[in-house]
C-alpha cells in the first residue's frame, strides 16, 4: 500500500507541474475536470492525470447501490486519496459502467442555451 501511495504522490506532483506550466495547460485542466465539480482540487489533479475524459465518477458500491449501474469487467479504477484517512479510494467513470434493470438516471450537468 505504501508503494502505491508513493506512486500516487509522484503522479500528483508531476501533473501539478504540468497544469501550472502555462495558461493553456491551466485551461485544459479545468475544461477536462469541470464535470467532477464536487471533487477537491487534489482529487481533480489526480483525476486529470489518470482519466481526463471522466464525466462522472463514483466508487463501485455507489454505482451499484445508488444508480443500479455495474462496473464493466476489466475497467481500470481511478485512484484518489482519501483525504480523511490518508488512504487510497478507487473510483470508476460512468463510461466504465452499464445499466442494470431498474437503473436510475445519472444527473449529469450540462449547459443549456438561452433558447431552451
PDB file of N, CA and C in Angstrom:
ATOM      1  N   UNK A   1       0.822  -1.190   0.000  1.00  0.00           N
ATOM      2  CA  UNK A   1       0.000   0.000   0.000  1.00  0.00           C
ATOM      3  C   UNK A   1       0.870   1.259   0.000  1.00  0.00           C
ATOM      4  N   UNK A   2       1.947   1.226   0.731  1.00  0.00           N
ATOM      5  CA  UNK A   2       2.858   2.370   0.816  1.00  0.00           C
ATOM      6  C   UNK A   2       3.433   2.701  -0.564  1.00  0.00           C
ATOM      7  N   UNK A   3       3.781   1.664  -1.341  1.00  0.00           N
ATOM      8  CA  UNK A   3       4.350   1.877  -2.674  1.00  0.00           C
ATOM      9  C   UNK A   3       3.318   2.558  -3.588  1.00  0.00           C
ATOM     10  N   UNK A   4       2.053   2.134  -3.523  1.00  0.00           N
ATOM     11  CA  UNK A   4       1.006   2.770  -4.318  1.00  0.00           C
ATOM     12  C   UNK A   4       0.831   4.229  -3.936  1.00  0.00           C
ATOM     13  N   UNK A   5       0.918   4.514  -2.653  1.00  0.00           N
ATOM     14  CA  UNK A   5       0.786   5.875  -2.167  1.00  0.00           C
ATOM     15  C   UNK A   5       1.926   6.753  -2.682  1.00  0.00           C
ATOM     16  N   UNK A   6       3.131   6.207  -2.717  1.00  0.00           N
ATOM     17  CA  UNK A   6       4.279   6.960  -3.236  1.00  0.00           C
ATOM     18  C   UNK A   6       4.135   7.214  -4.729  1.00  0.00           C
ATOM     19  N   UNK A   7       3.654   6.222  -5.479  1.00  0.00           N
ATOM     20  CA  UNK A   7       3.434   6.414  -6.914  1.00  0.00           C
ATOM     21  C   UNK A   7       2.361   7.462  -7.168  1.00  0.00           C
ATOM     22  N   UNK A   8       1.331   7.447  -6.353  1.00  0.00           N
ATOM     23  CA  UNK A   8       0.265   8.429  -6.483  1.00  0.00           C
ATOM     24  C   UNK A   8       0.802   9.829  -6.166  1.00  0.00           C
ATOM     25  N   UNK A   9       1.662   9.931  -5.173  1.00  0.00           N
ATOM     26  CA  UNK A   9       2.280  11.223  -4.828  1.00  0.00           C
ATOM     27  C   UNK A   9       3.124  11.735  -5.986  1.00  0.00           C
ATOM     28  N   UNK A  10       3.910  10.857  -6.609  1.00  0.00           N
ATOM     29  CA  UNK A  10       4.728  11.246  -7.764  1.00  0.00           C
ATOM     30  C   UNK A  10       3.855  11.706  -8.932  1.00  0.00           C
ATOM     31  N   UNK A  11       2.773  10.980  -9.185  1.00  0.00           N
ATOM     32  CA  UNK A  11       1.847  11.335 -10.255  1.00  0.00           C
ATOM     33  C   UNK A  11       1.217  12.696  -9.979  1.00  0.00           C
ATOM     34  N   UNK A  12       0.841  12.923  -8.743  1.00  0.00           N
ATOM     35  CA  UNK A  12       0.251  14.197  -8.333  1.00  0.00           C
ATOM     36  C   UNK A  12       1.236  15.352  -8.581  1.00  0.00           C
ATOM     37  N   UNK A  13       2.454  15.198  -8.106  1.00  0.00           N
ATOM     38  CA  UNK A  13       3.471  16.249  -8.232  1.00  0.00           C
ATOM     39  C   UNK A  13       3.776  16.549  -9.695  1.00  0.00           C
ATOM     40  N   UNK A  14       3.945  15.519 -10.496  1.00  0.00           N
ATOM     41  CA  UNK A  14       4.246  15.673 -11.920  1.00  0.00           C
ATOM     42  C   UNK A  14       3.093  16.379 -12.645  1.00  0.00           C
ATOM     43  N   UNK A  15       1.866  15.974 -12.357  1.00  0.00           N
ATOM     44  CA  UNK A  15       0.703  16.565 -13.016  1.00  0.00           C
ATOM     45  C   UNK A  15       0.506  18.007 -12.582  1.00  0.00           C
ATOM     46  N   UNK A  16       0.723  18.287 -11.320  1.00  0.00           N
ATOM     47  CA  UNK A  16       0.589  19.654 -10.811  1.00  0.00           C
ATOM     48  C   UNK A  16       1.546  20.589 -11.550  1.00  0.00           C
ATOM     49  N   UNK A  17       2.772  20.151 -11.766  1.00  0.00           N
ATOM     50  CA  UNK A  17       3.744  20.962 -12.512  1.00  0.00           C
ATOM     51  C   UNK A  17       3.260  21.232 -13.933  1.00  0.00           C
ATOM     52  N   UNK A  18       2.703  20.200 -14.587  1.00  0.00           N
ATOM     53  CA  UNK A  18       2.216  20.363 -15.963  1.00  0.00           C
ATOM     54  C   UNK A  18       1.034  21.318 -16.032  1.00  0.00           C
ATOM     55  N   UNK A  19       0.132  21.199 -15.081  1.00  0.00           N
ATOM     56  CA  UNK A  19      -1.064  22.045 -15.074  1.00  0.00           C
ATOM     57  C   UNK A  19      -0.695  23.514 -14.901  1.00  0.00           C
ATOM     58  N   UNK A  20       0.309  23.791 -14.086  1.00  0.00           N
ATOM     59  CA  UNK A  20       0.708  25.172 -13.803  1.00  0.00           C
ATOM     60  C   UNK A  20       1.778  25.712 -14.745  1.00  0.00           C
ATOM     61  N   UNK A  21       2.163  24.952 -15.757  1.00  0.00           N
ATOM     62  CA  UNK A  21       3.265  25.411 -16.599  1.00  0.00           C
ATOM     63  C   UNK A  21       2.901  26.610 -17.469  1.00  0.00           C
ATOM     64  N   UNK A  22       1.652  26.725 -17.906  1.00  0.00           N
ATOM     65  CA  UNK A  22       1.244  27.884 -18.695  1.00  0.00           C
ATOM     66  C   UNK A  22      -0.276  28.002 -18.705  1.00  0.00           C
ATOM     67  N   UNK A  23      -0.757  29.086 -19.274  1.00  0.00           N
ATOM     68  CA  UNK A  23      -2.199  29.356 -19.273  1.00  0.00           C
ATOM     69  C   UNK A  23      -2.988  28.297 -20.046  1.00  0.00           C
ATOM     70  N   UNK A  24      -2.448  27.839 -21.147  1.00  0.00           N
ATOM     71  CA  UNK A  24      -3.139  26.829 -21.963  1.00  0.00           C
ATOM     72  C   UNK A  24      -3.300  25.514 -21.177  1.00  0.00           C
ATOM     73  N   UNK A  25      -2.297  25.118 -20.450  1.00  0.00           N
ATOM     74  CA  UNK A  25      -2.365  23.897 -19.635  1.00  0.00           C
ATOM     75  C   UNK A  25      -3.395  24.055 -18.523  1.00  0.00           C
ATOM     76  N   UNK A  26      -3.428  25.221 -17.912  1.00  0.00           N
ATOM     77  CA  UNK A  26      -4.394  25.518 -16.842  1.00  0.00           C
ATOM     78  C   UNK A  26      -5.824  25.442 -17.386  1.00  0.00           C
ATOM     79  N   UNK A  27      -6.071  26.033 -18.553  1.00  0.00           N
ATOM     80  CA  UNK A  27      -7.394  25.987 -19.173  1.00  0.00           C
ATOM     81  C   UNK A  27      -7.785  24.566 -19.564  1.00  0.00           C
ATOM     82  N   UNK A  28      -6.837  23.832 -20.095  1.00  0.00           N
ATOM     83  CA  UNK A  28      -7.083  22.440 -20.476  1.00  0.00           C
ATOM     84  C   UNK A  28      -7.479  21.607 -19.259  1.00  0.00           C
ATOM     85  N   UNK A  29      -6.791  21.828 -18.156  1.00  0.00           N
ATOM     86  CA  UNK A  29      -7.108  21.128 -16.915  1.00  0.00           C
ATOM     87  C   UNK A  29      -8.548  21.384 -16.499  1.00  0.00           C
ATOM     88  N   UNK A  30      -8.945  22.654 -16.420  1.00  0.00           N
ATOM     89  CA  UNK A  30     -10.297  22.984 -15.950  1.00  0.00           C
ATOM     90  C   UNK A  30     -11.371  22.539 -16.934  1.00  0.00           C
ATOM     91  N   UNK A  31     -11.074  22.584 -18.225  1.00  0.00           N
ATOM     92  CA  UNK A  31     -12.045  22.102 -19.213  1.00  0.00           C
ATOM     93  C   UNK A  31     -12.307  20.612 -19.043  1.00  0.00           C
ATOM     94  N   UNK A  32     -11.278  19.880 -18.672  1.00  0.00           N
ATOM     95  CA  UNK A  32     -11.415  18.432 -18.510  1.00  0.00           C
ATOM     96  C   UNK A  32     -12.102  18.058 -17.202  1.00  0.00           C
ATOM     97  N   UNK A  33     -11.750  18.702 -16.116  1.00  0.00           N
ATOM     98  CA  UNK A  33     -12.222  18.250 -14.801  1.00  0.00           C
ATOM     99  C   UNK A  33     -13.496  18.930 -14.313  1.00  0.00           C
ATOM    100  N   UNK A  34     -13.983  19.910 -15.040  1.00  0.00           N
ATOM    101  CA  UNK A  34     -15.159  20.657 -14.570  1.00  0.00           C
ATOM    102  C   UNK A  34     -16.381  19.770 -14.368  1.00  0.00           C
ATOM    103  N   UNK A  35     -16.450  18.647 -15.028  1.00  0.00           N
ATOM    104  CA  UNK A  35     -17.583  17.725 -14.876  1.00  0.00           C
ATOM    105  C   UNK A  35     -17.664  17.183 -13.456  1.00  0.00           C
ATOM    106  N   UNK A  36     -16.553  17.094 -12.798  1.00  0.00           N
ATOM    107  CA  UNK A  36     -16.484  16.498 -11.461  1.00  0.00           C
ATOM    108  C   UNK A  36     -16.278  17.580 -10.409  1.00  0.00           C
ATOM    109  N   UNK A  37     -17.153  18.558 -10.434  1.00  0.00           N
ATOM    110  CA  UNK A  37     -17.015  19.750  -9.607  1.00  0.00           C
ATOM    111  C   UNK A  37     -17.108  19.479  -8.104  1.00  0.00           C
ATOM    112  N   UNK A  38     -17.595  18.335  -7.696  1.00  0.00           N
ATOM    113  CA  UNK A  38     -17.701  18.042  -6.265  1.00  0.00           C
ATOM    114  C   UNK A  38     -16.384  17.512  -5.671  1.00  0.00           C
ATOM    115  N   UNK A  39     -15.428  17.230  -6.514  1.00  0.00           N
ATOM    116  CA  UNK A  39     -14.131  16.732  -6.040  1.00  0.00           C
ATOM    117  C   UNK A  39     -13.278  17.887  -5.536  1.00  0.00           C
ATOM    118  N   UNK A  40     -12.377  17.584  -4.613  1.00  0.00           N
ATOM    119  CA  UNK A  40     -11.432  18.594  -4.140  1.00  0.00           C
ATOM    120  C   UNK A  40     -10.387  18.855  -5.232  1.00  0.00           C
ATOM    121  N   UNK A  41      -9.646  19.941  -5.081  1.00  0.00           N
ATOM    122  CA  UNK A  41      -8.609  20.260  -6.060  1.00  0.00           C
ATOM    123  C   UNK A  41      -7.583  19.130  -6.160  1.00  0.00           C
ATOM    124  N   UNK A  42      -7.156  18.582  -5.037  1.00  0.00           N
ATOM    125  CA  UNK A  42      -6.183  17.484  -5.056  1.00  0.00           C
ATOM    126  C   UNK A  42      -6.724  16.270  -5.800  1.00  0.00           C
ATOM    127  N   UNK A  43      -7.996  15.973  -5.596  1.00  0.00           N
ATOM    128  CA  UNK A  43      -8.615  14.856  -6.315  1.00  0.00           C
ATOM    129  C   UNK A  43      -8.684  15.151  -7.815  1.00  0.00           C
ATOM    130  N   UNK A  44      -8.993  16.398  -8.165  1.00  0.00           N
ATOM    131  CA  UNK A  44      -9.073  16.770  -9.577  1.00  0.00           C
ATOM    132  C   UNK A  44      -7.728  16.622 -10.278  1.00  0.00           C
ATOM    133  N   UNK A  45      -6.656  16.964  -9.583  1.00  0.00           N
ATOM    134  CA  UNK A  45      -5.313  16.804 -10.173  1.00  0.00           C
ATOM    135  C   UNK A  45      -5.069  15.331 -10.501  1.00  0.00           C
ATOM    136  N   UNK A  46      -5.367  14.448  -9.566  1.00  0.00           N
ATOM    137  CA  UNK A  46      -5.160  13.013  -9.803  1.00  0.00           C
ATOM    138  C   UNK A  46      -6.127  12.463 -10.844  1.00  0.00           C
ATOM    139  N   UNK A  47      -7.337  12.942 -10.843  1.00  0.00           N
ATOM    140  CA  UNK A  47      -8.313  12.530 -11.854  1.00  0.00           C
ATOM    141  C   UNK A  47      -7.824  12.928 -13.245  1.00  0.00           C
ATOM    142  N   UNK A  48      -7.356  14.152 -13.372  1.00  0.00           N
ATOM    143  CA  UNK A  48      -6.839  14.652 -14.650  1.00  0.00           C
ATOM    144  C   UNK A  48      -5.650  13.823 -15.124  1.00  0.00           C
ATOM    145  N   UNK A  49      -4.804  13.434 -14.201  1.00  0.00           N
ATOM    146  CA  UNK A  49      -3.623  12.639 -14.552  1.00  0.00           C
ATOM    147  C   UNK A  49      -4.010  11.251 -15.073  1.00  0.00           C
ATOM    148  N   UNK A  50      -5.053  10.680 -14.513  1.00  0.00           N
ATOM    149  CA  UNK A  50      -5.405   9.302 -14.840  1.00  0.00           C
ATOM    150  C   UNK A  50      -6.504   9.166 -15.887  1.00  0.00           C
ATOM    151  N   UNK A  51      -7.482  10.069 -15.848  1.00  0.00           N
ATOM    152  CA  UNK A  51      -8.632   9.935 -16.741  1.00  0.00           C
ATOM    153  C   UNK A  51      -9.240  11.299 -17.025  1.00  0.00           C
ATOM    154  N   UNK A  52      -8.580  12.129 -17.837  1.00  0.00           N
ATOM    155  CA  UNK A  52      -9.078  13.488 -18.079  1.00  0.00           C
ATOM    156  C   UNK A  52     -10.448  13.538 -18.747  1.00  0.00           C
ATOM    157  N   UNK A  53     -10.853  12.469 -19.414  1.00  0.00           N
ATOM    158  CA  UNK A  53     -12.146  12.462 -20.095  1.00  0.00           C
ATOM    159  C   UNK A  53     -13.306  12.019 -19.191  1.00  0.00           C
ATOM    160  N   UNK A  54     -13.059  11.741 -17.925  1.00  0.00           N
ATOM    161  CA  UNK A  54     -14.098  11.280 -16.996  1.00  0.00           C
ATOM    162  C   UNK A  54     -15.197  12.327 -16.837  1.00  0.00           C
ATOM    163  N   UNK A  55     -16.443  11.880 -16.846  1.00  0.00           N
ATOM    164  CA  UNK A  55     -17.584  12.788 -16.752  1.00  0.00           C
ATOM    165  C   UNK A  55     -18.360  12.662 -15.449  1.00  0.00           C
ATOM    166  N   UNK A  56     -18.300  11.527 -14.806  1.00  0.00           N
ATOM    167  CA  UNK A  56     -18.986  11.337 -13.524  1.00  0.00           C
ATOM    168  C   UNK A  56     -18.330  10.153 -12.843  1.00  0.00           C
ATOM    169  N   UNK A  57     -17.718  10.378 -11.685  1.00  0.00           N
ATOM    170  CA  UNK A  57     -17.029   9.292 -11.002  1.00  0.00           C
ATOM    171  C   UNK A  57     -17.688   8.988  -9.661  1.00  0.00           C
ATOM    172  N   UNK A  58     -17.729   7.719  -9.360  1.00  0.00           N
ATOM    173  CA  UNK A  58     -18.211   7.226  -8.075  1.00  0.00           C
ATOM    174  C   UNK A  58     -17.469   5.948  -7.747  1.00  0.00           C
ATOM    175  N   UNK A  59     -17.516   5.568  -6.479  1.00  0.00           N
ATOM    176  CA  UNK A  59     -16.971   4.280  -6.086  1.00  0.00           C
ATOM    177  C   UNK A  59     -17.921   3.185  -6.570  1.00  0.00           C
ATOM    178  N   UNK A  60     -17.374   1.997  -6.793  1.00  0.00           N
ATOM    179  CA  UNK A  60     -18.145   0.894  -7.351  1.00  0.00           C
ATOM    180  C   UNK A  60     -19.438   0.637  -6.573  1.00  0.00           C
ATOM    181  N   UNK A  61     -19.358   0.619  -5.265  1.00  0.00           N
ATOM    182  CA  UNK A  61     -20.530   0.332  -4.443  1.00  0.00           C
ATOM    183  C   UNK A  61     -21.636   1.362  -4.653  1.00  0.00           C
ATOM    184  N   UNK A  62     -21.253   2.621  -4.832  1.00  0.00           N
ATOM    185  CA  UNK A  62     -22.265   3.665  -5.049  1.00  0.00           C
ATOM    186  C   UNK A  62     -22.888   3.559  -6.421  1.00  0.00           C
ATOM    187  N   UNK A  63     -22.101   3.194  -7.439  1.00  0.00           N
ATOM    188  CA  UNK A  63     -22.690   2.955  -8.760  1.00  0.00           C
ATOM    189  C   UNK A  63     -23.749   1.858  -8.638  1.00  0.00           C
ATOM    190  N   UNK A  64     -23.407   0.785  -7.937  1.00  0.00           N
ATOM    191  CA  UNK A  64     -24.329  -0.351  -7.787  1.00  0.00           C
ATOM    192  C   UNK A  64     -25.580   0.044  -7.008  1.00  0.00           C
ATOM    193  N   UNK A  65     -25.391   0.546  -5.826  1.00  0.00           N
ATOM    194  CA  UNK A  65     -26.487   0.792  -4.888  1.00  0.00           C
ATOM    195  C   UNK A  65     -27.339   2.005  -5.276  1.00  0.00           C
ATOM    196  N   UNK A  66     -26.688   3.099  -5.604  1.00  0.00           N
ATOM    197  CA  UNK A  66     -27.395   4.352  -5.810  1.00  0.00           C
ATOM    198  C   UNK A  66     -28.033   4.468  -7.195  1.00  0.00           C
ATOM    199  N   UNK A  67     -27.377   3.943  -8.219  1.00  0.00           N
ATOM    200  CA  UNK A  67     -27.860   4.132  -9.581  1.00  0.00           C
ATOM    201  C   UNK A  67     -28.189   2.841 -10.317  1.00  0.00           C
ATOM    202  N   UNK A  68     -27.961   1.685  -9.711  1.00  0.00           N
ATOM    203  CA  UNK A  68     -28.254   0.431 -10.392  1.00  0.00           C
ATOM    204  C   UNK A  68     -27.372   0.213 -11.616  1.00  0.00           C
ATOM    205  N   UNK A  69     -26.146   0.684 -11.533  1.00  0.00           N
ATOM    206  CA  UNK A  69     -25.172   0.518 -12.626  1.00  0.00           C
ATOM    207  C   UNK A  69     -24.047  -0.376 -12.123  1.00  0.00           C
ATOM    208  N   UNK A  70     -23.491  -1.158 -13.017  1.00  0.00           N
ATOM    209  CA  UNK A  70     -22.431  -2.094 -12.657  1.00  0.00           C
ATOM    210  C   UNK A  70     -21.185  -1.779 -13.448  1.00  0.00           C
ATOM    211  N   UNK A  71     -20.046  -1.910 -12.825  1.00  0.00           N
ATOM    212  CA  UNK A  71     -18.764  -1.637 -13.481  1.00  0.00           C
ATOM    213  C   UNK A  71     -18.441  -2.784 -14.436  1.00  0.00           C
ATOM    214  N   UNK A  72     -18.059  -2.422 -15.647  1.00  0.00           N
ATOM    215  CA  UNK A  72     -17.726  -3.405 -16.679  1.00  0.00           C
ATOM    216  C   UNK A  72     -16.458  -4.154 -16.287  1.00  0.00           C
ATOM    217  N   UNK A  73     -16.438  -5.442 -16.588  1.00  0.00           N
ATOM    218  CA  UNK A  73     -15.258  -6.265 -16.331  1.00  0.00           C
ATOM    219  C   UNK A  73     -14.048  -5.680 -17.074  1.00  0.00           C
ATOM    220  N   UNK A  74     -12.928  -5.604 -16.396  1.00  0.00           N
ATOM    221  CA  UNK A  74     -11.694  -5.110 -16.995  1.00  0.00           C
ATOM    222  C   UNK A  74     -11.508  -3.600 -16.920  1.00  0.00           C
ATOM    223  N   UNK A  75     -12.479  -2.885 -16.358  1.00  0.00           N
ATOM    224  CA  UNK A  75     -12.342  -1.427 -16.227  1.00  0.00           C
ATOM    225  C   UNK A  75     -11.242  -1.095 -15.226  1.00  0.00           C
ATOM    226  N   UNK A  76     -10.484  -0.073 -15.537  1.00  0.00           N
ATOM    227  CA  UNK A  76      -9.385   0.336 -14.672  1.00  0.00           C
ATOM    228  C   UNK A  76      -9.859   1.433 -13.720  1.00  0.00           C
ATOM    229  N   UNK A  77      -9.641   1.238 -12.450  1.00  0.00           N
ATOM    230  CA  UNK A  77     -10.066   2.196 -11.427  1.00  0.00           C
ATOM    231  C   UNK A  77      -9.214   3.458 -11.468  1.00  0.00           C
ATOM    232  N   UNK A  78      -9.798   4.535 -10.976  1.00  0.00           N
ATOM    233  CA  UNK A  78      -9.107   5.814 -10.808  1.00  0.00           C
ATOM    234  C   UNK A  78      -8.774   5.927  -9.326  1.00  0.00           C
ATOM    235  N   UNK A  79      -7.509   6.012  -9.009  1.00  0.00           N
ATOM    236  CA  UNK A  79      -7.071   6.073  -7.606  1.00  0.00           C
ATOM    237  C   UNK A  79      -7.015   7.522  -7.136  1.00  0.00           C
ATOM    238  N   UNK A  80      -7.714   7.797  -6.031  1.00  0.00           N
ATOM    239  CA  UNK A  80      -7.695   9.123  -5.429  1.00  0.00           C
ATOM    240  C   UNK A  80      -7.419   8.987  -3.943  1.00  0.00           C
ATOM    241  N   UNK A  81      -6.771   9.990  -3.370  1.00  0.00           N
ATOM    242  CA  UNK A  81      -6.524   9.966  -1.934  1.00  0.00           C
ATOM    243  C   UNK A  81      -7.821  10.119  -1.182  1.00  0.00           C
ATOM    244  N   UNK A  82      -7.912   9.414  -0.089  1.00  0.00           N
ATOM    245  CA  UNK A  82      -8.999   9.644   0.862  1.00  0.00           C
ATOM    246  C   UNK A  82      -8.450  10.672   1.834  1.00  0.00           C
ATOM    247  N   UNK A  83      -8.871  11.897   1.683  1.00  0.00           N
ATOM    248  CA  UNK A  83      -8.289  12.988   2.469  1.00  0.00           C
ATOM    249  C   UNK A  83      -8.601  12.872   3.951  1.00  0.00           C
ATOM    250  N   UNK A  84      -9.615  12.103   4.308  1.00  0.00           N
ATOM    251  CA  UNK A  84      -9.953  11.908   5.722  1.00  0.00           C
ATOM    252  C   UNK A  84      -9.031  10.895   6.393  1.00  0.00           C
ATOM    253  N   UNK A  85      -8.721   9.803   5.677  1.00  0.00           N
ATOM    254  CA  UNK A  85      -7.938   8.726   6.285  1.00  0.00           C
ATOM    255  C   UNK A  85      -6.491   8.682   5.815  1.00  0.00           C
ATOM    256  N   UNK A  86      -6.201   9.351   4.707  1.00  0.00           N
ATOM    257  CA  UNK A  86      -4.849   9.294   4.152  1.00  0.00           C
ATOM    258  C   UNK A  86      -4.619   8.068   3.282  1.00  0.00           C
ATOM    259  N   UNK A  87      -5.635   7.233   3.147  1.00  0.00           N
ATOM    260  CA  UNK A  87      -5.532   6.049   2.298  1.00  0.00           C
ATOM    261  C   UNK A  87      -5.889   6.370   0.851  1.00  0.00           C
ATOM    262  N   UNK A  88      -6.135   5.332   0.085  1.00  0.00           N
ATOM    263  CA  UNK A  88      -6.496   5.488  -1.323  1.00  0.00           C
ATOM    264  C   UNK A  88      -7.890   4.917  -1.533  1.00  0.00           C
ATOM    265  N   UNK A  89      -8.719   5.660  -2.287  1.00  0.00           N
ATOM    266  CA  UNK A  89     -10.048   5.199  -2.671  1.00  0.00           C
ATOM    267  C   UNK A  89     -10.050   5.005  -4.182  1.00  0.00           C
ATOM    268  N   UNK A  90     -10.882   4.085  -4.654  1.00  0.00           N
ATOM    269  CA  UNK A  90     -10.926   3.769  -6.077  1.00  0.00           C
ATOM    270  C   UNK A  90     -12.287   4.106  -6.661  1.00  0.00           C
ATOM    271  N   UNK A  91     -12.259   4.832  -7.767  1.00  0.00           N
ATOM    272  CA  UNK A  91     -13.463   5.309  -8.434  1.00  0.00           C
ATOM    273  C   UNK A  91     -13.507   4.793  -9.869  1.00  0.00           C
ATOM    274  N   UNK A  92     -14.723   4.821 -10.442  1.00  0.00           N
ATOM    275  CA  UNK A  92     -14.925   4.468 -11.839  1.00  0.00           C
ATOM    276  C   UNK A  92     -15.772   5.548 -12.491  1.00  0.00           C
ATOM    277  N   UNK A  93     -15.490   5.817 -13.751  1.00  0.00           N
ATOM    278  CA  UNK A  93     -16.255   6.790 -14.507  1.00  0.00           C
ATOM    279  C   UNK A  93     -17.545   6.146 -15.006  1.00  0.00           C
ATOM    280  N   UNK A  94     -18.533   6.951 -15.313  1.00  0.00           N
ATOM    281  CA  UNK A  94     -19.793   6.433 -15.837  1.00  0.00           C
ATOM    282  C   UNK A  94     -19.565   5.621 -17.117  1.00  0.00           C
ATOM    283  N   UNK A  95     -18.542   5.975 -17.893  1.00  0.00           N
ATOM    284  CA  UNK A  95     -18.232   5.226 -19.118  1.00  0.00           C
ATOM    285  C   UNK A  95     -17.765   3.802 -18.813  1.00  0.00           C
ATOM    286  N   UNK A  96     -17.362   3.545 -17.574  1.00  0.00           N
ATOM    287  CA  UNK A  96     -16.927   2.209 -17.155  1.00  0.00           C
ATOM    288  C   UNK A  96     -18.092   1.355 -16.666  1.00  0.00           C
ATOM    289  N   UNK A  97     -19.310   1.880 -16.736  1.00  0.00           N
ATOM    290  CA  UNK A  97     -20.458   1.182 -16.167  1.00  0.00           C
ATOM    291  C   UNK A  97     -21.500   0.860 -17.222  1.00  0.00           C
ATOM    292  N   UNK A  98     -22.416  -0.015 -16.853  1.00  0.00           N
ATOM    293  CA  UNK A  98     -23.579  -0.287 -17.700  1.00  0.00           C
ATOM    294  C   UNK A  98     -24.804  -0.383 -16.808  1.00  0.00           C
ATOM    295  N   UNK A  99     -25.966  -0.126 -17.411  1.00  0.00           N
ATOM    296  CA  UNK A  99     -27.218  -0.135 -16.659  1.00  0.00           C
ATOM    297  C   UNK A  99     -27.730  -1.554 -16.444  1.00  0.00           C
ATOM    298  N   UNK A 100     -28.264  -1.761 -15.268  1.00  0.00           N
ATOM    299  CA  UNK A 100     -28.991  -2.984 -14.956  1.00  0.00           C
ATOM    300  C   UNK A 100     -30.474  -2.647 -14.983  1.00  0.00           C
ATOM    301  N   UNK A 101     -31.311  -3.665 -14.852  1.00  0.00           N
ATOM    302  CA  UNK A 101     -32.750  -3.406 -14.775  1.00  0.00           C
ATOM    303  C   UNK A 101     -33.033  -2.433 -13.645  1.00  0.00           C
ATOM    304  N   UNK A 102     -33.983  -1.562 -13.861  1.00  0.00           N
ATOM    305  CA  UNK A 102     -34.407  -0.572 -12.874  1.00  0.00           C
ATOM    306  C   UNK A 102     -33.300   0.421 -12.500  1.00  0.00           C
ATOM    307  N   UNK A 103     -32.391   0.676 -13.429  1.00  0.00           N
ATOM    308  CA  UNK A 103     -31.334   1.665 -13.180  1.00  0.00           C
ATOM    309  C   UNK A 103     -31.956   3.051 -13.093  1.00  0.00           C
ATOM    310  N   UNK A 104     -31.369   3.890 -12.272  1.00  0.00           N
ATOM    311  CA  UNK A 104     -31.827   5.271 -12.120  1.00  0.00           C
ATOM    312  C   UNK A 104     -30.991   6.168 -13.026  1.00  0.00           C
ATOM    313  N   UNK A 105     -31.578   7.238 -13.541  1.00  0.00           N
ATOM    314  CA  UNK A 105     -30.793   8.163 -14.375  1.00  0.00           C
ATOM    315  C   UNK A 105     -29.706   8.850 -13.556  1.00  0.00           C
ATOM    316  N   UNK A 106     -28.576   9.051 -14.193  1.00  0.00           N
ATOM    317  CA  UNK A 106     -27.455   9.741 -13.544  1.00  0.00           C
ATOM    318  C   UNK A 106     -27.570  11.223 -13.900  1.00  0.00           C
ATOM    319  N   UNK A 107     -27.656  12.094 -12.901  1.00  0.00           N
ATOM    320  CA  UNK A 107     -27.845  13.520 -13.182  1.00  0.00           C
ATOM    321  C   UNK A 107     -26.546  14.209 -13.603  1.00  0.00           C
ATOM    322  N   UNK A 108     -26.217  14.105 -14.866  1.00  0.00           N
ATOM    323  CA  UNK A 108     -25.038  14.801 -15.393  1.00  0.00           C
ATOM    324  C   UNK A 108     -25.448  16.238 -15.688  1.00  0.00           C
ATOM    325  N   UNK A 109     -24.623  17.175 -15.296  1.00  0.00           N
ATOM    326  CA  UNK A 109     -24.981  18.573 -15.554  1.00  0.00           C
ATOM    327  C   UNK A 109     -24.578  18.950 -16.960  1.00  0.00           C
ATOM    328  N   UNK A 110     -25.278  19.925 -17.483  1.00  0.00           N
ATOM    329  CA  UNK A 110     -24.980  20.445 -18.820  1.00  0.00           C
ATOM    330  C   UNK A 110     -25.416  21.888 -18.904  1.00  0.00           C
ATOM    331  N   UNK A 111     -24.802  22.596 -19.797  1.00  0.00           N
ATOM    332  CA  UNK A 111     -25.158  23.989 -20.015  1.00  0.00           C
ATOM    333  C   UNK A 111     -26.169  24.034 -21.150  1.00  0.00           C
ATOM    334  N   UNK A 112     -27.266  24.693 -20.907  1.00  0.00           N
ATOM    335  CA  UNK A 112     -28.289  24.830 -21.940  1.00  0.00           C
ATOM    336  C   UNK A 112     -28.250  26.247 -22.485  1.00  0.00           C
ATOM    337  N   UNK A 113     -28.530  26.361 -23.766  1.00  0.00           N
ATOM    338  CA  UNK A 113     -28.565  27.694 -24.370  1.00  0.00           C
ATOM    339  C   UNK A 113     -29.793  28.434 -23.867  1.00  0.00           C
ATOM    340  N   UNK A 114     -29.821  29.733 -24.021  1.00  0.00           N
ATOM    341  CA  UNK A 114     -30.926  30.565 -23.575  1.00  0.00           C
ATOM    342  C   UNK A 114     -32.215  30.228 -24.331  1.00  0.00           C
ATOM    343  N   UNK A 115     -32.086  29.591 -25.496  1.00  0.00           N
ATOM    344  CA  UNK A 115     -33.257  29.237 -26.310  1.00  0.00           C
ATOM    345  C   UNK A 115     -34.043  28.076 -25.696  1.00  0.00           C
ATOM    346  N   UNK A 116     -33.423  27.274 -24.824  1.00  0.00           N
ATOM    347  CA  UNK A 116     -34.101  26.099 -24.270  1.00  0.00           C
ATOM    348  C   UNK A 116     -34.859  26.399 -23.020  1.00  0.00           C
TER     349      UNK A 116
END
